[in-house]
Amino acid sequence: MAAANWSVGKIAQRSGVRVSTLHFYEAKGLIASQRNAGNQRRYTADVLRRIAVIKAAQRLGVSLEEIGQALASLPDARAPTQADWERLSARWRGQLDARIAYLTRLRDSLTGCIGCGCLSMKTCPLYNPDDVAGESGAGPVILDREGVPN
């Protein structure tokens, strides 16, 4: 097993995240450190790859809870491999496709009405005549009708 000799500052510098973010990730169980004799956090180098996976997944819009579940499927004390990333990212592909479809519909209707069903659009002749969307609930009910997550 590799020695845990990377300081929190060195990991922050190499990964491009703040020290407070590393502490947050650790509190959420996404990364782990060991404590040295002076009670300072020390990391193994494999944590850099885990942070890269976290950052990539966050950019895809994956929640930290889902990232944590995915990382929990990996063996401890080793960097995620390309095969690991392919397996993890495949889990998130459907969510990303749904988000893309939702954003495409939003973009395509943005110049007119976004189909929000808000009270100011009670008589929208395009998407919400006679405020029928208001009967379905609050928020962008017309866009959400297609089962796309927020």
C-alpha atoms as a PDB file:
ATOM      1  CA  MET A   1       0.000   0.000   0.000  1.00  0.00           C
ATOM      2  CA  ALA A   2       1.276   3.464  -0.877  1.00  0.00           C
ATOM      3  CA  ALA A   3       2.422   5.743   1.899  1.00  0.00           C
ATOM      4  CA  ALA A   4       0.040   8.517   2.902  1.00  0.00           C
ATOM      5  CA  ASN A   5       2.523  11.337   2.603  1.00  0.00           C
ATOM      6  CA  TRP A   6       0.631  13.991   0.601  1.00  0.00           C
ATOM      7  CA  SER A   7      -0.426  17.015   2.635  1.00  0.00           C
ATOM      8  CA  VAL A   8      -3.861  18.533   2.237  1.00  0.00           C
ATOM      9  CA  GLY A   9      -2.234  21.617   0.688  1.00  0.00           C
ATOM     10  CA  LYS A  10      -0.365  19.557  -1.901  1.00  0.00           C
ATOM     11  CA  ILE A  11      -3.512  17.610  -2.802  1.00  0.00           C
ATOM     12  CA  ALA A  12      -5.460  20.877  -3.100  1.00  0.00           C
ATOM     13  CA  GLN A  13      -2.807  22.383  -5.366  1.00  0.00           C
ATOM     14  CA  ARG A  14      -2.520  19.297  -7.594  1.00  0.00           C
ATOM     15  CA  SER A  15      -6.268  18.685  -7.844  1.00  0.00           C
ATOM     16  CA  GLY A  16      -7.336  22.291  -8.283  1.00  0.00           C
ATOM     17  CA  VAL A  17      -9.792  22.268  -5.393  1.00  0.00           C
ATOM     18  CA  ARG A  18      -9.695  24.236  -2.173  1.00  0.00           C
ATOM     19  CA  VAL A  19      -8.625  22.722   1.116  1.00  0.00           C
ATOM     20  CA  SER A  20     -12.128  23.306   2.478  1.00  0.00           C
ATOM     21  CA  THR A  21     -13.512  21.294  -0.448  1.00  0.00           C
ATOM     22  CA  LEU A  22     -11.202  18.409   0.407  1.00  0.00           C
ATOM     23  CA  HIS A  23     -12.404  18.508   4.005  1.00  0.00           C
ATOM     24  CA  PHE A  24     -15.995  18.520   2.728  1.00  0.00           C
ATOM     25  CA  TYR A  25     -15.364  15.558   0.415  1.00  0.00           C
ATOM     26  CA  GLU A  26     -13.787  13.698   3.304  1.00  0.00           C
ATOM     27  CA  ALA A  27     -16.722  14.464   5.612  1.00  0.00           C
ATOM     28  CA  LYS A  28     -19.046  13.064   2.926  1.00  0.00           C
ATOM     29  CA  GLY A  29     -16.940   9.892   2.666  1.00  0.00           C
ATOM     30  CA  LEU A  30     -15.857  10.562  -0.926  1.00  0.00           C
ATOM     31  CA  ILE A  31     -12.135  10.559  -0.095  1.00  0.00           C
ATOM     32  CA  ALA A  32     -10.127   9.401   2.895  1.00  0.00           C
ATOM     33  CA  SER A  33      -7.020  10.521   4.697  1.00  0.00           C
ATOM     34  CA  GLN A  34      -4.844   9.193   7.447  1.00  0.00           C
ATOM     35  CA  ARG A  35      -3.482  11.204  10.357  1.00  0.00           C
ATOM     36  CA  ASN A  36       0.218  11.517  11.049  1.00  0.00           C
ATOM     37  CA  ALA A  37       1.835  11.742  14.497  1.00  0.00           C
ATOM     38  CA  GLY A  38       1.068  15.475  14.568  1.00  0.00           C
ATOM     39  CA  ASN A  39      -2.617  14.765  13.780  1.00  0.00           C
ATOM     40  CA  GLN A  40      -2.316  16.311  10.311  1.00  0.00           C
ATOM     41  CA  ARG A  41      -4.195  14.859   7.371  1.00  0.00           C
ATOM     42  CA  ARG A  42      -2.099  12.854   4.933  1.00  0.00           C
ATOM     43  CA  TYR A  43      -3.323  11.403   1.666  1.00  0.00           C
ATOM     44  CA  THR A  44      -2.131   8.729  -0.707  1.00  0.00           C
ATOM     45  CA  ALA A  45      -1.618   9.740  -4.329  1.00  0.00           C
ATOM     46  CA  ASP A  46      -4.638   7.715  -5.519  1.00  0.00           C
ATOM     47  CA  VAL A  47      -6.928  10.337  -3.979  1.00  0.00           C
ATOM     48  CA  LEU A  48      -6.060  12.620  -6.908  1.00  0.00           C
ATOM     49  CA  ARG A  49      -7.810  10.255  -9.337  1.00  0.00           C
ATOM     50  CA  ARG A  50     -10.839  10.021  -7.044  1.00  0.00           C
ATOM     51  CA  ILE A  51     -11.053  13.814  -6.955  1.00  0.00           C
ATOM     52  CA  ALA A  52     -10.850  13.881 -10.755  1.00  0.00           C
ATOM     53  CA  VAL A  53     -13.775  11.441 -10.918  1.00  0.00           C
ATOM     54  CA  ILE A  54     -15.745  13.579  -8.439  1.00  0.00           C
ATOM     55  CA  LYS A  55     -15.126  16.751 -10.428  1.00  0.00           C
ATOM     56  CA  ALA A  56     -15.999  15.115 -13.762  1.00  0.00           C
ATOM     57  CA  ALA A  57     -19.202  13.627 -12.355  1.00  0.00           C
ATOM     58  CA  GLN A  58     -20.217  16.949 -10.807  1.00  0.00           C
ATOM     59  CA  ARG A  59     -19.770  18.653 -14.177  1.00  0.00           C
ATOM     60  CA  LEU A  60     -22.197  16.080 -15.582  1.00  0.00           C
ATOM     61  CA  GLY A  61     -24.676  17.145 -12.905  1.00  0.00           C
ATOM     62  CA  VAL A  62     -24.379  13.994 -10.811  1.00  0.00           C
ATOM     63  CA  SER A  63     -25.200  14.562  -7.142  1.00  0.00           C
ATOM     64  CA  LEU A  64     -22.582  14.003  -4.458  1.00  0.00           C
ATOM     65  CA  GLU A  65     -24.768  11.255  -3.016  1.00  0.00           C
ATOM     66  CA  GLU A  66     -24.726   9.380  -6.336  1.00  0.00           C
ATOM     67  CA  ILE A  67     -20.986   9.976  -6.676  1.00  0.00           C
ATOM     68  CA  GLY A  68     -20.474   8.569  -3.188  1.00  0.00           C
ATOM     69  CA  GLN A  69     -22.481   5.446  -4.044  1.00  0.00           C
ATOM     70  CA  ALA A  70     -20.428   4.945  -7.190  1.00  0.00           C
ATOM     71  CA  LEU A  71     -17.093   5.457  -5.422  1.00  0.00           C
ATOM     72  CA  ALA A  72     -18.176   3.024  -2.707  1.00  0.00           C
ATOM     73  CA  SER A  73     -18.215   0.328  -5.386  1.00  0.00           C
ATOM     74  CA  LEU A  74     -14.473   0.780  -5.931  1.00  0.00           C
ATOM     75  CA  PRO A  75     -11.764  -0.922  -3.885  1.00  0.00           C
ATOM     76  CA  ASP A  76     -10.143   1.269  -1.237  1.00  0.00           C
ATOM     77  CA  ALA A  77      -6.596   2.560  -1.596  1.00  0.00           C
ATOM     78  CA  ARG A  78      -6.302   2.380  -5.340  1.00  0.00           C
ATOM     79  CA  ALA A  79      -6.874   4.927  -8.040  1.00  0.00           C
ATOM     80  CA  PRO A  80      -9.949   4.421 -10.220  1.00  0.00           C
ATOM     81  CA  THR A  81      -8.931   2.954 -13.563  1.00  0.00           C
ATOM     82  CA  GLN A  82     -10.223   3.708 -17.053  1.00  0.00           C
ATOM     83  CA  ALA A  83     -12.440   0.619 -16.776  1.00  0.00           C
ATOM     84  CA  ASP A  84     -13.807   1.919 -13.461  1.00  0.00           C
ATOM     85  CA  TRP A  85     -14.602   5.281 -15.041  1.00  0.00           C
ATOM     86  CA  GLU A  86     -16.348   3.613 -17.991  1.00  0.00           C
ATOM     87  CA  ARG A  87     -18.501   1.582 -15.612  1.00  0.00           C
ATOM     88  CA  LEU A  88     -19.298   4.577 -13.400  1.00  0.00           C
ATOM     89  CA  SER A  89     -20.053   6.945 -16.270  1.00  0.00           C
ATOM     90  CA  ALA A  90     -22.352   4.376 -17.903  1.00  0.00           C
ATOM     91  CA  ARG A  91     -24.509   4.579 -14.754  1.00  0.00           C
ATOM     92  CA  TRP A  92     -24.961   8.308 -15.314  1.00  0.00           C
ATOM     93  CA  ARG A  93     -25.485   8.303 -19.076  1.00  0.00           C
ATOM     94  CA  GLY A  94     -29.280   8.019 -18.906  1.00  0.00           C
ATOM     95  CA  GLN A  95     -29.512  10.933 -16.489  1.00  0.00           C
ATOM     96  CA  LEU A  96     -27.309  13.032 -18.734  1.00  0.00           C
ATOM     97  CA  ASP A  97     -29.350  12.143 -21.828  1.00  0.00           C
ATOM     98  CA  ALA A  98     -32.559  13.145 -20.011  1.00  0.00           C
ATOM     99  CA  ARG A  99     -30.994  16.429 -18.881  1.00  0.00           C
ATOM    100  CA  ILE A 100     -29.841  17.172 -22.440  1.00  0.00           C
ATOM    101  CA  ALA A 101     -33.338  16.485 -23.796  1.00  0.00           C
ATOM    102  CA  TYR A 102     -34.861  18.755 -21.149  1.00  0.00           C
ATOM    103  CA  LEU A 103     -32.411  21.574 -21.880  1.00  0.00           C
ATOM    104  CA  THR A 104     -32.975  21.175 -25.618  1.00  0.00           C
ATOM    105  CA  ARG A 105     -36.744  21.558 -25.159  1.00  0.00           C
ATOM    106  CA  LEU A 106     -36.158  24.565 -22.912  1.00  0.00           C
ATOM    107  CA  ARG A 107     -33.804  26.168 -25.436  1.00  0.00           C
ATOM    108  CA  ASP A 108     -36.147  25.548 -28.346  1.00  0.00           C
ATOM    109  CA  SER A 109     -39.083  27.175 -26.572  1.00  0.00           C
ATOM    110  CA  LEU A 110     -37.142  29.971 -24.904  1.00  0.00           C
ATOM    111  CA  THR A 111     -37.945  32.651 -27.459  1.00  0.00           C
ATOM    112  CA  GLY A 112     -41.652  32.156 -26.847  1.00  0.00           C
ATOM    113  CA  CYS A 113     -42.962  30.671 -23.664  1.00  0.00           C
ATOM    114  CA  ILE A 114     -41.085  28.121 -21.596  1.00  0.00           C
ATOM    115  CA  GLY A 115     -44.315  26.418 -20.626  1.00  0.00           C
ATOM    116  CA  CYS A 116     -43.978  27.165 -16.958  1.00  0.00           C
ATOM    117  CA  GLY A 117     -47.670  27.401 -16.093  1.00  0.00           C
ATOM    118  CA  CYS A 118     -46.991  30.407 -13.885  1.00  0.00           C
ATOM    119  CA  LEU A 119     -49.888  32.610 -12.823  1.00  0.00           C
ATOM    120  CA  SER A 120     -48.778  35.444 -15.100  1.00  0.00           C
ATOM    121  CA  MET A 121     -49.276  33.165 -18.112  1.00  0.00           C
ATOM    122  CA  LYS A 122     -52.847  32.024 -17.366  1.00  0.00           C
ATOM    123  CA  THR A 123     -54.032  32.537 -20.881  1.00  0.00           C
ATOM    124  CA  CYS A 124     -50.941  31.634 -22.877  1.00  0.00           C
ATOM    125  CA  PRO A 125     -52.364  30.650 -26.267  1.00  0.00           C
ATOM    126  CA  LEU A 126     -49.296  28.594 -27.153  1.00  0.00           C
ATOM    127  CA  TYR A 127     -48.658  26.301 -24.223  1.00  0.00           C
ATOM    128  CA  ASN A 128     -51.202  26.996 -21.535  1.00  0.00           C
ATOM    129  CA  PRO A 129     -54.610  28.113 -22.825  1.00  0.00           C
ATOM    130  CA  ASP A 130     -57.071  28.656 -19.967  1.00  0.00           C
ATOM    131  CA  ASP A 131     -54.320  27.805 -17.425  1.00  0.00           C
ATOM    132  CA  VAL A 132     -54.731  24.048 -17.839  1.00  0.00           C
ATOM    133  CA  ALA A 133     -51.144  23.592 -16.654  1.00  0.00           C
ATOM    134  CA  GLY A 134     -52.044  25.178 -13.320  1.00  0.00           C
ATOM    135  CA  GLU A 135     -54.241  22.164 -12.577  1.00  0.00           C
ATOM    136  CA  SER A 136     -51.158  19.907 -12.834  1.00  0.00           C
ATOM    137  CA  GLY A 137     -49.204  21.637 -10.090  1.00  0.00           C
ATOM    138  CA  ALA A 138     -46.616  24.343  -9.619  1.00  0.00           C
ATOM    139  CA  GLY A 139     -43.477  25.012 -11.623  1.00  0.00           C
ATOM    140  CA  PRO A 140     -42.571  24.130 -15.215  1.00  0.00           C
ATOM    141  CA  VAL A 141     -45.221  21.447 -15.489  1.00  0.00           C
ATOM    142  CA  ILE A 142     -45.342  21.444 -19.282  1.00  0.00           C
ATOM    143  CA  LEU A 143     -41.624  20.805 -19.619  1.00  0.00           C
ATOM    144  CA  ASP A 144     -41.650  18.339 -16.740  1.00  0.00           C
ATOM    145  CA  ARG A 145     -44.532  16.407 -18.281  1.00  0.00           C
ATOM    146  CA  GLU A 146     -42.057  14.379 -20.271  1.00  0.00           C
ATOM    147  CA  GLY A 147     -40.560  12.858 -17.136  1.00  0.00           C
ATOM    148  CA  VAL A 148     -37.339  14.819 -17.117  1.00  0.00           C
ATOM    149  CA  PRO A 149     -35.780  15.415 -13.677  1.00  0.00           C
ATOM    150  CA  ASN A 150     -35.183  18.936 -12.379  1.00  0.00           C
END
